[in-house]
């Protein structure tokens, strides 16, 4: 079958234009991806907060009864105390505010409020496997210094681990209270040696609508 030169030239032009359009589309899609690199972060945060009961139910001001002990293994019943906590700035034991206490920041992490704060910058970090669980991670900067790394179960999106300063916090035994879920147990490990050194359990927790009498911010 013989084709005229003009038909061949036009055919080549059509193919060239089609190829150029495809290139533009691919480039455009790549640009769109580059412009929305935070989409996976927001998707993960949404799943984490939804798994905990939703942002409206996250703990802000609460009272908790705790049992804790220092050492390389959990001891029951441990030392008991009752605290009122309003992370990341306030933590009272009795009427005494604890001042410069790292636990305020880690409480801000396990209540998940740090993920929703306006000054928190979030980025994905490499996934890890910890205690035979596959975890996906987020690094939080801006609102905390140094950065805090938070790792969540890839199946149910519960918070499993927090790496901050010189410690690794491993959370377990999630419970539910007043529409929100929280980890009731925490074991702390030294990052340099991996050795456990502190154990903490929330025995009872109560959401508060206002600061109790006798406490001052």
C-alpha atoms as a PDB file:
ATOM      1  CA  UNK A   1       0.000   0.000   0.000  1.00  0.00           C
ATOM      2  CA  UNK A   2       1.545   3.279  -1.128  1.00  0.00           C
ATOM      3  CA  UNK A   3       1.081   6.411   1.010  1.00  0.00           C
ATOM      4  CA  UNK A   4       1.591   9.912  -0.256  1.00  0.00           C
ATOM      5  CA  UNK A   5       4.499  11.941   1.197  1.00  0.00           C
ATOM      6  CA  UNK A   6       2.037  14.518   2.526  1.00  0.00           C
ATOM      7  CA  UNK A   7       0.064  11.840   4.405  1.00  0.00           C
ATOM      8  CA  UNK A   8       3.284  10.481   5.916  1.00  0.00           C
ATOM      9  CA  UNK A   9       4.399  13.909   7.038  1.00  0.00           C
ATOM     10  CA  UNK A  10       1.006  14.596   8.630  1.00  0.00           C
ATOM     11  CA  UNK A  11       1.065  11.211  10.343  1.00  0.00           C
ATOM     12  CA  UNK A  12       4.489  11.916  11.803  1.00  0.00           C
ATOM     13  CA  UNK A  13       3.251  15.283  13.040  1.00  0.00           C
ATOM     14  CA  UNK A  14       0.243  13.657  14.731  1.00  0.00           C
ATOM     15  CA  UNK A  15       2.495  11.099  16.434  1.00  0.00           C
ATOM     16  CA  UNK A  16       4.909  13.841  17.523  1.00  0.00           C
ATOM     17  CA  UNK A  17       2.082  15.941  19.000  1.00  0.00           C
ATOM     18  CA  UNK A  18       0.688  12.915  20.798  1.00  0.00           C
ATOM     19  CA  UNK A  19       4.107  12.163  22.243  1.00  0.00           C
ATOM     20  CA  UNK A  20       4.535  15.776  23.367  1.00  0.00           C
ATOM     21  CA  UNK A  21       1.101  15.758  25.025  1.00  0.00           C
ATOM     22  CA  UNK A  22       1.969  12.557  26.858  1.00  0.00           C
ATOM     23  CA  UNK A  23       5.242  14.109  28.031  1.00  0.00           C
ATOM     24  CA  UNK A  24       3.406  17.174  29.330  1.00  0.00           C
ATOM     25  CA  UNK A  25       0.888  15.000  31.151  1.00  0.00           C
ATOM     26  CA  UNK A  26       3.600  12.918  32.787  1.00  0.00           C
ATOM     27  CA  UNK A  27       5.553  16.022  33.742  1.00  0.00           C
ATOM     28  CA  UNK A  28       2.416  17.610  35.110  1.00  0.00           C
ATOM     29  CA  UNK A  29       1.650  14.572  37.224  1.00  0.00           C
ATOM     30  CA  UNK A  30       5.198  14.557  38.562  1.00  0.00           C
ATOM     31  CA  UNK A  31       4.911  18.240  39.412  1.00  0.00           C
ATOM     32  CA  UNK A  32       1.613  17.605  41.178  1.00  0.00           C
ATOM     33  CA  UNK A  33       3.268  14.876  43.219  1.00  0.00           C
ATOM     34  CA  UNK A  34       6.140  17.154  44.153  1.00  0.00           C
ATOM     35  CA  UNK A  35       3.731  19.873  45.211  1.00  0.00           C
ATOM     36  CA  UNK A  36       1.834  17.521  47.522  1.00  0.00           C
ATOM     37  CA  UNK A  37       4.613  15.686  49.302  1.00  0.00           C
ATOM     38  CA  UNK A  38       2.843  16.303  52.618  1.00  0.00           C
ATOM     39  CA  UNK A  39      -0.224  14.323  51.521  1.00  0.00           C
ATOM     40  CA  UNK A  40       1.107  10.991  52.901  1.00  0.00           C
ATOM     41  CA  UNK A  41       1.855  12.756  56.185  1.00  0.00           C
ATOM     42  CA  UNK A  42      -1.654  14.156  56.486  1.00  0.00           C
ATOM     43  CA  UNK A  43      -3.148  10.806  55.536  1.00  0.00           C
ATOM     44  CA  UNK A  44      -1.164   9.064  58.265  1.00  0.00           C
ATOM     45  CA  UNK A  45      -2.055  11.699  60.878  1.00  0.00           C
ATOM     46  CA  UNK A  46      -5.742  11.386  59.973  1.00  0.00           C
ATOM     47  CA  UNK A  47      -5.628   7.609  60.411  1.00  0.00           C
ATOM     48  CA  UNK A  48      -3.771   7.865  63.726  1.00  0.00           C
ATOM     49  CA  UNK A  49      -6.198  10.387  65.189  1.00  0.00           C
ATOM     50  CA  UNK A  50      -9.242   8.534  63.879  1.00  0.00           C
ATOM     51  CA  UNK A  51      -7.966   5.318  65.486  1.00  0.00           C
ATOM     52  CA  UNK A  52      -7.784   7.165  68.817  1.00  0.00           C
ATOM     53  CA  UNK A  53     -11.378   8.370  68.568  1.00  0.00           C
ATOM     54  CA  UNK A  54     -11.050  11.603  66.587  1.00  0.00           C
ATOM     55  CA  UNK A  55      -9.500  15.000  67.266  1.00  0.00           C
ATOM     56  CA  UNK A  56     -12.477  16.286  69.267  1.00  0.00           C
ATOM     57  CA  UNK A  57     -11.950  13.492  71.806  1.00  0.00           C
ATOM     58  CA  UNK A  58      -8.194  13.805  72.335  1.00  0.00           C
ATOM     59  CA  UNK A  59      -7.196  14.524  75.924  1.00  0.00           C
ATOM     60  CA  UNK A  60      -6.270  18.113  76.776  1.00  0.00           C
ATOM     61  CA  UNK A  61      -6.683  18.527  80.557  1.00  0.00           C
ATOM     62  CA  UNK A  62      -6.977  15.384  82.643  1.00  0.00           C
ATOM     63  CA  UNK A  63      -6.373  13.722  85.981  1.00  0.00           C
ATOM     64  CA  UNK A  64      -4.642  10.342  86.118  1.00  0.00           C
ATOM     65  CA  UNK A  65      -3.827   7.839  88.819  1.00  0.00           C
ATOM     66  CA  UNK A  66      -0.497   6.181  88.111  1.00  0.00           C
ATOM     67  CA  UNK A  67       1.753   3.410  89.321  1.00  0.00           C
ATOM     68  CA  UNK A  68       5.435   3.535  88.461  1.00  0.00           C
ATOM     69  CA  UNK A  69       8.842   2.170  89.367  1.00  0.00           C
ATOM     70  CA  UNK A  70      12.443   2.638  88.356  1.00  0.00           C
ATOM     71  CA  UNK A  71      14.607  -0.364  87.524  1.00  0.00           C
ATOM     72  CA  UNK A  72      15.120  -2.945  84.813  1.00  0.00           C
ATOM     73  CA  UNK A  73      11.738  -4.665  85.235  1.00  0.00           C
ATOM     74  CA  UNK A  74       8.155  -3.769  86.053  1.00  0.00           C
ATOM     75  CA  UNK A  75       7.286  -4.124  89.758  1.00  0.00           C
ATOM     76  CA  UNK A  76       3.700  -4.340  90.974  1.00  0.00           C
ATOM     77  CA  UNK A  77       2.100  -2.373  92.436  1.00  0.00           C
ATOM     78  CA  UNK A  78       4.923   0.180  92.332  1.00  0.00           C
ATOM     79  CA  UNK A  79       4.640   3.722  93.625  1.00  0.00           C
ATOM     80  CA  UNK A  80       1.232   5.384  93.340  1.00  0.00           C
ATOM     81  CA  UNK A  81       0.513   9.024  92.632  1.00  0.00           C
ATOM     82  CA  UNK A  82      -2.299  11.206  91.304  1.00  0.00           C
ATOM     83  CA  UNK A  83      -1.492  13.924  88.780  1.00  0.00           C
ATOM     84  CA  UNK A  84      -3.310  16.627  86.880  1.00  0.00           C
ATOM     85  CA  UNK A  85      -1.781  17.138  83.443  1.00  0.00           C
ATOM     86  CA  UNK A  86      -2.272  19.725  80.718  1.00  0.00           C
ATOM     87  CA  UNK A  87       0.455  19.034  78.129  1.00  0.00           C
ATOM     88  CA  UNK A  88       2.802  20.401  77.048  1.00  0.00           C
ATOM     89  CA  UNK A  89       3.176  23.075  79.745  1.00  0.00           C
ATOM     90  CA  UNK A  90       1.596  21.880  82.978  1.00  0.00           C
ATOM     91  CA  UNK A  91       1.799  18.877  85.300  1.00  0.00           C
ATOM     92  CA  UNK A  92       0.739  19.032  88.950  1.00  0.00           C
ATOM     93  CA  UNK A  93       1.296  16.432  91.655  1.00  0.00           C
ATOM     94  CA  UNK A  94      -0.897  17.544  94.501  1.00  0.00           C
ATOM     95  CA  UNK A  95      -0.682  21.328  94.246  1.00  0.00           C
ATOM     96  CA  UNK A  96       2.945  21.364  93.087  1.00  0.00           C
ATOM     97  CA  UNK A  97       3.649  22.115  89.439  1.00  0.00           C
ATOM     98  CA  UNK A  98       6.606  20.040  88.205  1.00  0.00           C
ATOM     99  CA  UNK A  99       8.434  22.756  86.294  1.00  0.00           C
ATOM    100  CA  UNK A 100      10.957  21.580  83.709  1.00  0.00           C
ATOM    101  CA  UNK A 101       9.662  18.019  83.372  1.00  0.00           C
ATOM    102  CA  UNK A 102      10.264  15.987  80.159  1.00  0.00           C
ATOM    103  CA  UNK A 103       7.149  13.933  80.881  1.00  0.00           C
ATOM    104  CA  UNK A 104       5.031  16.911  79.802  1.00  0.00           C
ATOM    105  CA  UNK A 105       6.301  16.523  76.247  1.00  0.00           C
ATOM    106  CA  UNK A 106       5.923  12.755  76.144  1.00  0.00           C
ATOM    107  CA  UNK A 107       2.371  13.140  77.505  1.00  0.00           C
ATOM    108  CA  UNK A 108       1.749  15.593  74.666  1.00  0.00           C
ATOM    109  CA  UNK A 109       2.941  12.850  72.326  1.00  0.00           C
ATOM    110  CA  UNK A 110       0.892   9.942  73.667  1.00  0.00           C
ATOM    111  CA  UNK A 111      -2.265  12.070  73.821  1.00  0.00           C
ATOM    112  CA  UNK A 112      -1.485  12.835  70.121  1.00  0.00           C
ATOM    113  CA  UNK A 113      -2.148  16.560  70.597  1.00  0.00           C
ATOM    114  CA  UNK A 114       1.355  17.373  69.391  1.00  0.00           C
ATOM    115  CA  UNK A 115       0.307  16.176  65.925  1.00  0.00           C
ATOM    116  CA  UNK A 116      -2.446  18.794  65.679  1.00  0.00           C
ATOM    117  CA  UNK A 117      -0.588  21.828  67.038  1.00  0.00           C
ATOM    118  CA  UNK A 118      -0.262  24.765  64.652  1.00  0.00           C
ATOM    119  CA  UNK A 119       3.513  25.022  65.106  1.00  0.00           C
ATOM    120  CA  UNK A 120       4.229  21.306  64.652  1.00  0.00           C
ATOM    121  CA  UNK A 121       6.118  20.445  61.462  1.00  0.00           C
ATOM    122  CA  UNK A 122       5.651  16.798  60.511  1.00  0.00           C
ATOM    123  CA  UNK A 123       7.638  14.615  58.148  1.00  0.00           C
ATOM    124  CA  UNK A 124       7.745  10.929  57.373  1.00  0.00           C
ATOM    125  CA  UNK A 125      10.738   8.932  58.599  1.00  0.00           C
ATOM    126  CA  UNK A 126      11.758   5.385  57.627  1.00  0.00           C
ATOM    127  CA  UNK A 127       9.585   2.549  58.859  1.00  0.00           C
ATOM    128  CA  UNK A 128      11.025   0.230  61.497  1.00  0.00           C
ATOM    129  CA  UNK A 129      10.258  -3.159  63.015  1.00  0.00           C
ATOM    130  CA  UNK A 130      10.086  -3.096  66.814  1.00  0.00           C
ATOM    131  CA  UNK A 131       9.043  -5.939  69.118  1.00  0.00           C
ATOM    132  CA  UNK A 132       8.054  -7.851  65.971  1.00  0.00           C
ATOM    133  CA  UNK A 133       5.638  -5.108  64.910  1.00  0.00           C
ATOM    134  CA  UNK A 134       5.967  -3.152  61.685  1.00  0.00           C
ATOM    135  CA  UNK A 135       5.819   0.541  62.481  1.00  0.00           C
ATOM    136  CA  UNK A 136       5.495   3.672  60.386  1.00  0.00           C
ATOM    137  CA  UNK A 137       7.057   6.874  61.678  1.00  0.00           C
ATOM    138  CA  UNK A 138       6.643  10.631  61.900  1.00  0.00           C
ATOM    139  CA  UNK A 139       9.170  13.213  63.068  1.00  0.00           C
ATOM    140  CA  UNK A 140       7.812  16.292  64.858  1.00  0.00           C
ATOM    141  CA  UNK A 141       9.784  19.539  64.884  1.00  0.00           C
ATOM    142  CA  UNK A 142       8.917  23.189  65.352  1.00  0.00           C
ATOM    143  CA  UNK A 143       6.768  22.738  68.445  1.00  0.00           C
ATOM    144  CA  UNK A 144       9.364  20.536  70.190  1.00  0.00           C
ATOM    145  CA  UNK A 145      13.129  20.759  70.531  1.00  0.00           C
ATOM    146  CA  UNK A 146      14.863  18.419  70.045  1.00  0.00           C
ATOM    147  CA  UNK A 147      12.736  16.632  67.470  1.00  0.00           C
ATOM    148  CA  UNK A 148      10.519  13.804  68.642  1.00  0.00           C
ATOM    149  CA  UNK A 149      10.044  10.633  66.570  1.00  0.00           C
ATOM    150  CA  UNK A 150       6.720   8.805  66.857  1.00  0.00           C
ATOM    151  CA  UNK A 151       6.071   5.311  65.513  1.00  0.00           C
ATOM    152  CA  UNK A 152       2.656   3.765  64.880  1.00  0.00           C
ATOM    153  CA  UNK A 153       1.459   0.249  64.196  1.00  0.00           C
ATOM    154  CA  UNK A 154       0.935  -0.089  60.443  1.00  0.00           C
ATOM    155  CA  UNK A 155      -2.200  -2.168  61.007  1.00  0.00           C
ATOM    156  CA  UNK A 156      -4.237  -0.344  63.662  1.00  0.00           C
ATOM    157  CA  UNK A 157      -2.309   2.983  63.814  1.00  0.00           C
ATOM    158  CA  UNK A 158      -1.834   2.874  67.589  1.00  0.00           C
ATOM    159  CA  UNK A 159       1.194   4.684  68.980  1.00  0.00           C
ATOM    160  CA  UNK A 160       3.806   2.053  69.835  1.00  0.00           C
ATOM    161  CA  UNK A 161       7.064   3.917  70.300  1.00  0.00           C
ATOM    162  CA  UNK A 162       8.476   7.398  70.872  1.00  0.00           C
ATOM    163  CA  UNK A 163      12.169   8.265  70.526  1.00  0.00           C
ATOM    164  CA  UNK A 164      13.073  11.485  72.287  1.00  0.00           C
ATOM    165  CA  UNK A 165      16.263  12.855  73.731  1.00  0.00           C
ATOM    166  CA  UNK A 166      18.139   9.946  75.347  1.00  0.00           C
ATOM    167  CA  UNK A 167      15.211   7.554  75.699  1.00  0.00           C
ATOM    168  CA  UNK A 168      12.943   5.173  73.831  1.00  0.00           C
ATOM    169  CA  UNK A 169       9.372   4.954  75.137  1.00  0.00           C
ATOM    170  CA  UNK A 170       7.403   1.815  74.299  1.00  0.00           C
ATOM    171  CA  UNK A 171       3.641   2.022  74.778  1.00  0.00           C
ATOM    172  CA  UNK A 172       1.143  -0.804  75.168  1.00  0.00           C
ATOM    173  CA  UNK A 173      -2.260  -1.908  76.469  1.00  0.00           C
ATOM    174  CA  UNK A 174      -4.494   0.724  74.947  1.00  0.00           C
ATOM    175  CA  UNK A 175      -7.680   1.528  76.813  1.00  0.00           C
ATOM    176  CA  UNK A 176     -10.676   3.735  76.131  1.00  0.00           C
ATOM    177  CA  UNK A 177     -12.069   6.606  78.187  1.00  0.00           C
ATOM    178  CA  UNK A 178     -14.792   9.078  77.294  1.00  0.00           C
ATOM    179  CA  UNK A 179     -14.452   8.587  73.546  1.00  0.00           C
ATOM    180  CA  UNK A 180     -10.672   8.524  73.313  1.00  0.00           C
ATOM    181  CA  UNK A 181      -8.109   5.717  73.346  1.00  0.00           C
ATOM    182  CA  UNK A 182      -4.772   5.947  75.114  1.00  0.00           C
ATOM    183  CA  UNK A 183      -1.843   3.648  75.981  1.00  0.00           C
ATOM    184  CA  UNK A 184      -2.081   2.675  79.641  1.00  0.00           C
ATOM    185  CA  UNK A 185       1.446   1.277  79.952  1.00  0.00           C
ATOM    186  CA  UNK A 186       4.857   2.686  79.090  1.00  0.00           C
ATOM    187  CA  UNK A 187       8.344   1.248  79.464  1.00  0.00           C
ATOM    188  CA  UNK A 188      11.370   3.512  79.044  1.00  0.00           C
ATOM    189  CA  UNK A 189      14.698   2.357  77.617  1.00  0.00           C
ATOM    190  CA  UNK A 190      18.087   4.026  77.268  1.00  0.00           C
ATOM    191  CA  UNK A 191      18.790   4.757  73.624  1.00  0.00           C
ATOM    192  CA  UNK A 192      22.513   4.084  73.940  1.00  0.00           C
ATOM    193  CA  UNK A 193      22.309   0.715  75.710  1.00  0.00           C
ATOM    194  CA  UNK A 194      18.743  -0.414  75.024  1.00  0.00           C
ATOM    195  CA  UNK A 195      18.336  -1.245  78.714  1.00  0.00           C
ATOM    196  CA  UNK A 196      14.985  -0.611  80.453  1.00  0.00           C
ATOM    197  CA  UNK A 197      15.050   1.809  83.381  1.00  0.00           C
ATOM    198  CA  UNK A 198      11.502   3.024  84.144  1.00  0.00           C
ATOM    199  CA  UNK A 199       7.970   1.603  84.015  1.00  0.00           C
ATOM    200  CA  UNK A 200       4.702   3.495  84.166  1.00  0.00           C
ATOM    201  CA  UNK A 201       1.032   2.498  84.163  1.00  0.00           C
ATOM    202  CA  UNK A 202      -2.103   4.621  84.124  1.00  0.00           C
ATOM    203  CA  UNK A 203      -4.561   2.945  86.462  1.00  0.00           C
ATOM    204  CA  UNK A 204      -7.364   5.474  86.065  1.00  0.00           C
ATOM    205  CA  UNK A 205      -7.852   8.567  83.942  1.00  0.00           C
ATOM    206  CA  UNK A 206     -10.453  11.341  84.043  1.00  0.00           C
ATOM    207  CA  UNK A 207     -11.091  14.113  81.560  1.00  0.00           C
ATOM    208  CA  UNK A 208     -11.401  17.538  83.221  1.00  0.00           C
ATOM    209  CA  UNK A 209     -13.378  20.498  81.931  1.00  0.00           C
ATOM    210  CA  UNK A 210     -11.571  23.042  84.085  1.00  0.00           C
ATOM    211  CA  UNK A 211      -8.560  23.319  86.340  1.00  0.00           C
ATOM    212  CA  UNK A 212      -9.302  21.963  89.836  1.00  0.00           C
ATOM    213  CA  UNK A 213      -9.361  24.356  92.786  1.00  0.00           C
ATOM    214  CA  UNK A 214      -5.976  25.039  94.298  1.00  0.00           C
ATOM    215  CA  UNK A 215      -4.007  24.674  91.069  1.00  0.00           C
ATOM    216  CA  UNK A 216      -2.514  27.633  89.232  1.00  0.00           C
ATOM    217  CA  UNK A 217      -1.061  27.921  85.748  1.00  0.00           C
END
